[in-house]
Amino acid sequence: MKIKMKTDVKAKADESGSMAMVYKAGTVYDMSAEWQMKMATKFMNNGKADKSVGAKSTKVITDVEKKTTSVKKNILKKVFGKKDKKK
């Protein structure tokens, strides 16, 4: 789970709690271990962090390919004619 901190928070940096660190406001942290997920949930419940969503990627298509009809389809149209659409 990724979270983005709203405020600076001093909390444990390892599972045992023997080390501490300051989680800076505006920074995104990856809380993937079980103990980190519990801590991240507490941060979000207390309003100190928000769940971060991944960056949205977009793809721009510049060339457009025209759909070509197959030879068999053209022959069938010539033999049977075009179907009339009923309105």
PDB file of N, CA and C in Angstrom:
ATOM      1  N   MET A   1       0.854  -1.163   0.000  1.00  0.00           N
ATOM      2  CA  MET A   1       0.000   0.000   0.000  1.00  0.00           C
ATOM      3  C   MET A   1       0.902   1.228   0.000  1.00  0.00           C
ATOM      4  N   LYS A   2       0.572   2.198  -0.808  1.00  0.00           N
ATOM      5  CA  LYS A   2       1.325   3.444  -0.848  1.00  0.00           C
ATOM      6  C   LYS A   2       0.498   4.536  -0.186  1.00  0.00           C
ATOM      7  N   ILE A   3       1.162   5.321   0.665  1.00  0.00           N
ATOM      8  CA  ILE A   3       0.477   6.420   1.333  1.00  0.00           C
ATOM      9  C   ILE A   3       1.260   7.704   1.102  1.00  0.00           C
ATOM     10  N   LYS A   4       0.535   8.809   1.119  1.00  0.00           N
ATOM     11  CA  LYS A   4       1.151  10.131   1.013  1.00  0.00           C
ATOM     12  C   LYS A   4       0.882  10.852   2.322  1.00  0.00           C
ATOM     13  N   MET A   5       1.936  11.274   2.973  1.00  0.00           N
ATOM     14  CA  MET A   5       1.825  11.894   4.282  1.00  0.00           C
ATOM     15  C   MET A   5       1.281  13.320   4.165  1.00  0.00           C
ATOM     16  N   LYS A   6       0.394  13.683   5.085  1.00  0.00           N
ATOM     17  CA  LYS A   6      -0.138  15.045   5.164  1.00  0.00           C
ATOM     18  C   LYS A   6       0.692  15.899   6.108  1.00  0.00           C
ATOM     19  N   THR A   7       1.179  15.265   7.182  1.00  0.00           N
ATOM     20  CA  THR A   7       1.972  15.972   8.184  1.00  0.00           C
ATOM     21  C   THR A   7       3.227  15.158   8.488  1.00  0.00           C
ATOM     22  N   ASP A   8       4.219  15.808   9.113  1.00  0.00           N
ATOM     23  CA  ASP A   8       5.413  15.099   9.561  1.00  0.00           C
ATOM     24  C   ASP A   8       5.049  14.247  10.773  1.00  0.00           C
ATOM     25  N   VAL A   9       5.465  12.982  10.753  1.00  0.00           N
ATOM     26  CA  VAL A   9       5.164  12.064  11.844  1.00  0.00           C
ATOM     27  C   VAL A   9       6.434  11.304  12.194  1.00  0.00           C
ATOM     28  N   LYS A  10       6.772  11.266  13.488  1.00  0.00           N
ATOM     29  CA  LYS A  10       7.890  10.460  13.952  1.00  0.00           C
ATOM     30  C   LYS A  10       7.327   9.110  14.384  1.00  0.00           C
ATOM     31  N   ALA A  11       7.823   8.031  13.752  1.00  0.00           N
ATOM     32  CA  ALA A  11       7.308   6.688  14.033  1.00  0.00           C
ATOM     33  C   ALA A  11       8.433   5.680  13.839  1.00  0.00           C
ATOM     34  N   LYS A  12       8.141   4.424  14.130  1.00  0.00           N
ATOM     35  CA  LYS A  12       9.161   3.384  14.031  1.00  0.00           C
ATOM     36  C   LYS A  12       9.557   3.148  12.572  1.00  0.00           C
ATOM     37  N   ALA A  13      10.826   2.777  12.399  1.00  0.00           N
ATOM     38  CA  ALA A  13      11.357   2.546  11.063  1.00  0.00           C
ATOM     39  C   ALA A  13      11.597   1.073  10.778  1.00  0.00           C
ATOM     40  N   ASP A  14      11.499   0.234  11.813  1.00  0.00           N
ATOM     41  CA  ASP A  14      11.638  -1.194  11.605  1.00  0.00           C
ATOM     42  C   ASP A  14      10.574  -1.923  12.427  1.00  0.00           C
ATOM     43  N   GLU A  15      10.468  -3.208  12.198  1.00  0.00           N
ATOM     44  CA  GLU A  15       9.386  -3.983  12.815  1.00  0.00           C
ATOM     45  C   GLU A  15       9.465  -4.005  14.335  1.00  0.00           C
ATOM     46  N   SER A  16      10.666  -4.080  14.880  1.00  0.00           N
ATOM     47  CA  SER A  16      10.817  -4.173  16.336  1.00  0.00           C
ATOM     48  C   SER A  16      10.639  -2.831  17.031  1.00  0.00           C
ATOM     49  N   GLY A  17      10.751  -1.741  16.298  1.00  0.00           N
ATOM     50  CA  GLY A  17      10.608  -0.418  16.898  1.00  0.00           C
ATOM     51  C   GLY A  17      11.890   0.100  17.514  1.00  0.00           C
ATOM     52  N   SER A  18      13.009  -0.544  17.215  1.00  0.00           N
ATOM     53  CA  SER A  18      14.281  -0.109  17.783  1.00  0.00           C
ATOM     54  C   SER A  18      14.822   1.131  17.091  1.00  0.00           C
ATOM     55  N   MET A  19      14.341   1.413  15.894  1.00  0.00           N
ATOM     56  CA  MET A  19      14.760   2.616  15.160  1.00  0.00           C
ATOM     57  C   MET A  19      13.530   3.458  14.867  1.00  0.00           C
ATOM     58  N   ALA A  20      13.728   4.762  14.845  1.00  0.00           N
ATOM     59  CA  ALA A  20      12.633   5.677  14.531  1.00  0.00           C
ATOM     60  C   ALA A  20      13.052   6.568  13.368  1.00  0.00           C
ATOM     61  N   MET A  21      12.070   7.069  12.648  1.00  0.00           N
ATOM     62  CA  MET A  21      12.344   8.007  11.559  1.00  0.00           C
ATOM     63  C   MET A  21      11.192   8.983  11.444  1.00  0.00           C
ATOM     64  N   VAL A  22      11.430  10.081  10.771  1.00  0.00           N
ATOM     65  CA  VAL A  22      10.396  11.084  10.546  1.00  0.00           C
ATOM     66  C   VAL A  22       9.850  10.875   9.136  1.00  0.00           C
ATOM     67  N   TYR A  23       8.563  10.586   9.061  1.00  0.00           N
ATOM     68  CA  TYR A  23       7.881  10.475   7.782  1.00  0.00           C
ATOM     69  C   TYR A  23       7.460  11.882   7.387  1.00  0.00           C
ATOM     70  N   LYS A  24       8.051  12.421   6.313  1.00  0.00           N
ATOM     71  CA  LYS A  24       7.877  13.815   5.907  1.00  0.00           C
ATOM     72  C   LYS A  24       6.554  14.036   5.187  1.00  0.00           C
ATOM     73  N   ALA A  25       5.970  15.202   5.400  1.00  0.00           N
ATOM     74  CA  ALA A  25       4.718  15.583   4.739  1.00  0.00           C
ATOM     75  C   ALA A  25       4.954  15.741   3.238  1.00  0.00           C
ATOM     76  N   GLY A  26       3.994  15.280   2.429  1.00  0.00           N
ATOM     77  CA  GLY A  26       4.075  15.406   0.980  1.00  0.00           C
ATOM     78  C   GLY A  26       4.868  14.299   0.304  1.00  0.00           C
ATOM     79  N   THR A  27       5.435  13.398   1.068  1.00  0.00           N
ATOM     80  CA  THR A  27       6.229  12.301   0.517  1.00  0.00           C
ATOM     81  C   THR A  27       5.384  11.039   0.444  1.00  0.00           C
ATOM     82  N   VAL A  28       5.582  10.266  -0.624  1.00  0.00           N
ATOM     83  CA  VAL A  28       4.863   9.008  -0.800  1.00  0.00           C
ATOM     84  C   VAL A  28       5.756   7.876  -0.295  1.00  0.00           C
ATOM     85  N   TYR A  29       5.202   7.031   0.577  1.00  0.00           N
ATOM     86  CA  TYR A  29       5.922   5.899   1.138  1.00  0.00           C
ATOM     87  C   TYR A  29       5.223   4.607   0.736  1.00  0.00           C
ATOM     88  N   ASP A  30       6.040   3.587   0.420  1.00  0.00           N
ATOM     89  CA  ASP A  30       5.511   2.267   0.080  1.00  0.00           C
ATOM     90  C   ASP A  30       5.515   1.415   1.340  1.00  0.00           C
ATOM     91  N   MET A  31       4.327   1.133   1.852  1.00  0.00           N
ATOM     92  CA  MET A  31       4.176   0.343   3.064  1.00  0.00           C
ATOM     93  C   MET A  31       3.724  -1.054   2.658  1.00  0.00           C
ATOM     94  N   SER A  32       4.683  -1.928   2.318  1.00  0.00           N
ATOM     95  CA  SER A  32       4.329  -3.234   1.766  1.00  0.00           C
ATOM     96  C   SER A  32       4.364  -4.360   2.796  1.00  0.00           C
ATOM     97  N   ALA A  33       5.164  -4.220   3.844  1.00  0.00           N
ATOM     98  CA  ALA A  33       5.217  -5.269   4.869  1.00  0.00           C
ATOM     99  C   ALA A  33       3.975  -5.194   5.757  1.00  0.00           C
ATOM    100  N   GLU A  34       3.664  -6.293   6.435  1.00  0.00           N
ATOM    101  CA  GLU A  34       2.450  -6.351   7.261  1.00  0.00           C
ATOM    102  C   GLU A  34       2.471  -5.294   8.369  1.00  0.00           C
ATOM    103  N   TRP A  35       3.610  -5.147   9.056  1.00  0.00           N
ATOM    104  CA  TRP A  35       3.688  -4.166  10.135  1.00  0.00           C
ATOM    105  C   TRP A  35       3.589  -2.739   9.589  1.00  0.00           C
ATOM    106  N   GLN A  36       4.095  -2.522   8.366  1.00  0.00           N
ATOM    107  CA  GLN A  36       3.994  -1.199   7.747  1.00  0.00           C
ATOM    108  C   GLN A  36       2.554  -0.894   7.351  1.00  0.00           C
ATOM    109  N   MET A  37       1.818  -1.919   6.911  1.00  0.00           N
ATOM    110  CA  MET A  37       0.414  -1.718   6.535  1.00  0.00           C
ATOM    111  C   MET A  37      -0.422  -1.326   7.750  1.00  0.00           C
ATOM    112  N   LYS A  38      -0.142  -1.961   8.883  1.00  0.00           N
ATOM    113  CA  LYS A  38      -0.861  -1.608  10.105  1.00  0.00           C
ATOM    114  C   LYS A  38      -0.575  -0.166  10.503  1.00  0.00           C
ATOM    115  N   MET A  39       0.687   0.228  10.400  1.00  0.00           N
ATOM    116  CA  MET A  39       1.079   1.597  10.737  1.00  0.00           C
ATOM    117  C   MET A  39       0.449   2.597   9.756  1.00  0.00           C
ATOM    118  N   ALA A  40       0.430   2.241   8.467  1.00  0.00           N
ATOM    119  CA  ALA A  40      -0.163   3.116   7.452  1.00  0.00           C
ATOM    120  C   ALA A  40      -1.656   3.284   7.691  1.00  0.00           C
ATOM    121  N   THR A  41      -2.330   2.204   8.102  1.00  0.00           N
ATOM    122  CA  THR A  41      -3.762   2.279   8.406  1.00  0.00           C
ATOM    123  C   THR A  41      -4.008   3.222   9.577  1.00  0.00           C
ATOM    124  N   LYS A  42      -3.155   3.168  10.579  1.00  0.00           N
ATOM    125  CA  LYS A  42      -3.285   4.074  11.720  1.00  0.00           C
ATOM    126  C   LYS A  42      -3.084   5.528  11.291  1.00  0.00           C
ATOM    127  N   PHE A  43      -2.091   5.764  10.418  1.00  0.00           N
ATOM    128  CA  PHE A  43      -1.857   7.122   9.907  1.00  0.00           C
ATOM    129  C   PHE A  43      -3.087   7.645   9.171  1.00  0.00           C
ATOM    130  N   MET A  44      -3.692   6.784   8.336  1.00  0.00           N
ATOM    131  CA  MET A  44      -4.860   7.214   7.556  1.00  0.00           C
ATOM    132  C   MET A  44      -6.068   7.443   8.465  1.00  0.00           C
ATOM    133  N   ASN A  45      -6.261   6.579   9.473  1.00  0.00           N
ATOM    134  CA  ASN A  45      -7.389   6.742  10.398  1.00  0.00           C
ATOM    135  C   ASN A  45      -7.261   8.007  11.231  1.00  0.00           C
ATOM    136  N   ASN A  46      -6.034   8.395  11.559  1.00  0.00           N
ATOM    137  CA  ASN A  46      -5.799   9.602  12.347  1.00  0.00           C
ATOM    138  C   ASN A  46      -5.772  10.865  11.495  1.00  0.00           C
ATOM    139  N   GLY A  47      -5.862  10.715  10.176  1.00  0.00           N
ATOM    140  CA  GLY A  47      -5.871  11.871   9.291  1.00  0.00           C
ATOM    141  C   GLY A  47      -4.488  12.423   9.002  1.00  0.00           C
ATOM    142  N   LYS A  48      -3.453  11.640   9.270  1.00  0.00           N
ATOM    143  CA  LYS A  48      -2.087  12.094   9.044  1.00  0.00           C
ATOM    144  C   LYS A  48      -1.572  11.704   7.662  1.00  0.00           C
ATOM    145  N   ALA A  49      -2.309  10.834   6.965  1.00  0.00           N
ATOM    146  CA  ALA A  49      -1.881  10.375   5.645  1.00  0.00           C
ATOM    147  C   ALA A  49      -3.098  10.055   4.792  1.00  0.00           C
ATOM    148  N   ASP A  50      -2.887  10.047   3.479  1.00  0.00           N
ATOM    149  CA  ASP A  50      -3.906   9.653   2.508  1.00  0.00           C
ATOM    150  C   ASP A  50      -3.375   8.486   1.703  1.00  0.00           C
ATOM    151  N   LYS A  51      -4.279   7.656   1.217  1.00  0.00           N
ATOM    152  CA  LYS A  51      -3.867   6.556   0.346  1.00  0.00           C
ATOM    153  C   LYS A  51      -3.447   7.153  -0.991  1.00  0.00           C
ATOM    154  N   SER A  52      -2.309   6.750  -1.462  1.00  0.00           N
ATOM    155  CA  SER A  52      -1.779   7.277  -2.713  1.00  0.00           C
ATOM    156  C   SER A  52      -2.164   6.351  -3.848  1.00  0.00           C
ATOM    157  N   VAL A  53      -2.581   6.943  -4.959  1.00  0.00           N
ATOM    158  CA  VAL A  53      -2.905   6.148  -6.142  1.00  0.00           C
ATOM    159  C   VAL A  53      -1.755   6.271  -7.119  1.00  0.00           C
ATOM    160  N   GLY A  54      -1.563   5.236  -7.921  1.00  0.00           N
ATOM    161  CA  GLY A  54      -0.478   5.216  -8.893  1.00  0.00           C
ATOM    162  C   GLY A  54      -0.667   6.271  -9.961  1.00  0.00           C
ATOM    163  N   ALA A  55       0.411   6.623 -10.593  1.00  0.00           N
ATOM    164  CA  ALA A  55       0.366   7.598 -11.671  1.00  0.00           C
ATOM    165  C   ALA A  55      -0.398   7.018 -12.853  1.00  0.00           C
ATOM    166  N   LYS A  56      -1.214   7.824 -13.445  1.00  0.00           N
ATOM    167  CA  LYS A  56      -2.008   7.378 -14.581  1.00  0.00           C
ATOM    168  C   LYS A  56      -1.215   7.622 -15.857  1.00  0.00           C
ATOM    169  N   SER A  57      -1.042   6.581 -16.635  1.00  0.00           N
ATOM    170  CA  SER A  57      -0.308   6.724 -17.884  1.00  0.00           C
ATOM    171  C   SER A  57      -1.302   6.788 -19.042  1.00  0.00           C
ATOM    172  N   THR A  58      -0.984   7.624 -19.981  1.00  0.00           N
ATOM    173  CA  THR A  58      -1.845   7.758 -21.155  1.00  0.00           C
ATOM    174  C   THR A  58      -1.011   7.506 -22.398  1.00  0.00           C
ATOM    175  N   LYS A  59      -1.658   7.005 -23.419  1.00  0.00           N
ATOM    176  CA  LYS A  59      -0.993   6.730 -24.677  1.00  0.00           C
ATOM    177  C   LYS A  59      -1.691   7.530 -25.766  1.00  0.00           C
ATOM    178  N   VAL A  60      -0.913   8.316 -26.500  1.00  0.00           N
ATOM    179  CA  VAL A  60      -1.468   9.140 -27.568  1.00  0.00           C
ATOM    180  C   VAL A  60      -1.238   8.419 -28.887  1.00  0.00           C
ATOM    181  N   ILE A  61      -2.307   8.214 -29.616  1.00  0.00           N
ATOM    182  CA  ILE A  61      -2.219   7.556 -30.911  1.00  0.00           C
ATOM    183  C   ILE A  61      -2.338   8.622 -31.984  1.00  0.00           C
ATOM    184  N   THR A  62      -1.322   8.704 -32.839  1.00  0.00           N
ATOM    185  CA  THR A  62      -1.322   9.743 -33.856  1.00  0.00           C
ATOM    186  C   THR A  62      -1.777   9.222 -35.217  1.00  0.00           C
ATOM    187  N   ASP A  63      -1.351   8.021 -35.583  1.00  0.00           N
ATOM    188  CA  ASP A  63      -1.737   7.473 -36.881  1.00  0.00           C
ATOM    189  C   ASP A  63      -2.991   6.625 -36.733  1.00  0.00           C
ATOM    190  N   VAL A  64      -3.896   6.794 -37.668  1.00  0.00           N
ATOM    191  CA  VAL A  64      -5.121   6.014 -37.649  1.00  0.00           C
ATOM    192  C   VAL A  64      -5.107   5.072 -38.843  1.00  0.00           C
ATOM    193  N   GLU A  65      -5.310   3.811 -38.559  1.00  0.00           N
ATOM    194  CA  GLU A  65      -5.348   2.830 -39.631  1.00  0.00           C
ATOM    195  C   GLU A  65      -6.793   2.609 -40.060  1.00  0.00           C
ATOM    196  N   LYS A  66      -6.989   2.575 -41.363  1.00  0.00           N
ATOM    197  CA  LYS A  66      -8.328   2.313 -41.871  1.00  0.00           C
ATOM    198  C   LYS A  66      -8.532   0.813 -41.931  1.00  0.00           C
ATOM    199  N   LYS A  67      -9.720   0.402 -41.566  1.00  0.00           N
ATOM    200  CA  LYS A  67     -10.045  -1.011 -41.598  1.00  0.00           C
ATOM    201  C   LYS A  67     -10.343  -1.393 -43.044  1.00  0.00           C
ATOM    202  N   THR A  68      -9.618  -2.362 -43.545  1.00  0.00           N
ATOM    203  CA  THR A  68      -9.829  -2.809 -44.927  1.00  0.00           C
ATOM    204  C   THR A  68     -10.746  -4.015 -44.931  1.00  0.00           C
ATOM    205  N   THR A  69     -11.557  -4.092 -45.945  1.00  0.00           N
ATOM    206  CA  THR A  69     -12.452  -5.239 -46.054  1.00  0.00           C
ATOM    207  C   THR A  69     -11.732  -6.370 -46.765  1.00  0.00           C
ATOM    208  N   SER A  70     -12.082  -7.543 -46.422  1.00  0.00           N
ATOM    209  CA  SER A  70     -11.428  -8.704 -47.028  1.00  0.00           C
ATOM    210  C   SER A  70     -11.972  -8.953 -48.433  1.00  0.00           C
ATOM    211  N   VAL A  71     -11.233  -9.704 -49.199  1.00  0.00           N
ATOM    212  CA  VAL A  71     -11.619 -10.036 -50.573  1.00  0.00           C
ATOM    213  C   VAL A  71     -12.900 -10.856 -50.579  1.00  0.00           C
ATOM    214  N   LYS A  72     -13.026 -11.810 -49.646  1.00  0.00           N
ATOM    215  CA  LYS A  72     -14.217 -12.648 -49.592  1.00  0.00           C
ATOM    216  C   LYS A  72     -15.461 -11.813 -49.327  1.00  0.00           C
ATOM    217  N   LYS A  73     -15.339 -10.831 -48.480  1.00  0.00           N
ATOM    218  CA  LYS A  73     -16.478  -9.988 -48.152  1.00  0.00           C
ATOM    219  C   LYS A  73     -16.920  -9.189 -49.376  1.00  0.00           C
ATOM    220  N   ASN A  74     -15.955  -8.696 -50.161  1.00  0.00           N
ATOM    221  CA  ASN A  74     -16.291  -7.949 -51.372  1.00  0.00           C
ATOM    222  C   ASN A  74     -16.988  -8.831 -52.393  1.00  0.00           C
ATOM    223  N   ILE A  75     -16.535 -10.072 -52.529  1.00  0.00           N
ATOM    224  CA  ILE A  75     -17.151 -11.000 -53.485  1.00  0.00           C
ATOM    225  C   ILE A  75     -18.581 -11.313 -53.050  1.00  0.00           C
ATOM    226  N   LEU A  76     -18.811 -11.547 -51.767  1.00  0.00           N
ATOM    227  CA  LEU A  76     -20.152 -11.839 -51.277  1.00  0.00           C
ATOM    228  C   LEU A  76     -21.094 -10.669 -51.511  1.00  0.00           C
ATOM    229  N   LYS A  77     -20.589  -9.454 -51.373  1.00  0.00           N
ATOM    230  CA  LYS A  77     -21.432  -8.277 -51.617  1.00  0.00           C
ATOM    231  C   LYS A  77     -21.840  -8.213 -53.085  1.00  0.00           C
ATOM    232  N   LYS A  78     -20.907  -8.570 -53.974  1.00  0.00           N
ATOM    233  CA  LYS A  78     -21.220  -8.533 -55.400  1.00  0.00           C
ATOM    234  C   LYS A  78     -22.232  -9.604 -55.780  1.00  0.00           C
ATOM    235  N   VAL A  79     -22.130 -10.784 -55.152  1.00  0.00           N
ATOM    236  CA  VAL A  79     -23.021 -11.890 -55.484  1.00  0.00           C
ATOM    237  C   VAL A  79     -24.412 -11.661 -54.892  1.00  0.00           C
ATOM    238  N   PHE A  80     -24.476 -11.361 -53.602  1.00  0.00           N
ATOM    239  CA  PHE A  80     -25.767 -11.242 -52.932  1.00  0.00           C
ATOM    240  C   PHE A  80     -26.301  -9.817 -52.870  1.00  0.00           C
ATOM    241  N   GLY A  81     -25.471  -8.855 -53.130  1.00  0.00           N
ATOM    242  CA  GLY A  81     -25.905  -7.469 -53.046  1.00  0.00           C
ATOM    243  C   GLY A  81     -25.875  -6.988 -51.603  1.00  0.00           C
ATOM    244  N   LYS A  82     -26.025  -5.694 -51.426  1.00  0.00           N
ATOM    245  CA  LYS A  82     -26.014  -5.125 -50.078  1.00  0.00           C
ATOM    246  C   LYS A  82     -27.345  -5.373 -49.414  1.00  0.00           C
ATOM    247  N   LYS A  83     -27.302  -5.592 -48.103  1.00  0.00           N
ATOM    248  CA  LYS A  83     -28.531  -5.794 -47.337  1.00  0.00           C
ATOM    249  C   LYS A  83     -29.169  -4.440 -47.076  1.00  0.00           C
ATOM    250  N   ASP A  84     -30.495  -4.393 -47.265  1.00  0.00           N
ATOM    251  CA  ASP A  84     -31.225  -3.167 -46.953  1.00  0.00           C
ATOM    252  C   ASP A  84     -31.492  -3.117 -45.465  1.00  0.00           C
ATOM    253  N   LYS A  85     -31.264  -1.968 -44.880  1.00  0.00           N
ATOM    254  CA  LYS A  85     -31.550  -1.804 -43.453  1.00  0.00           C
ATOM    255  C   LYS A  85     -33.011  -1.449 -43.285  1.00  0.00           C
ATOM    256  N   LYS A  86     -33.722  -2.201 -42.463  1.00  0.00           N
ATOM    257  CA  LYS A  86     -35.130  -1.931 -42.206  1.00  0.00           C
ATOM    258  C   LYS A  86     -35.232  -0.900 -41.122  1.00  0.00           C
ATOM    259  N   LYS A  87     -36.047   0.100 -41.355  1.00  0.00           N
ATOM    260  CA  LYS A  87     -36.212   1.182 -40.373  1.00  0.00           C
ATOM    261  C   LYS A  87     -37.504   1.053 -39.628  1.00  0.00           C
TER     262      LYS A  87
END
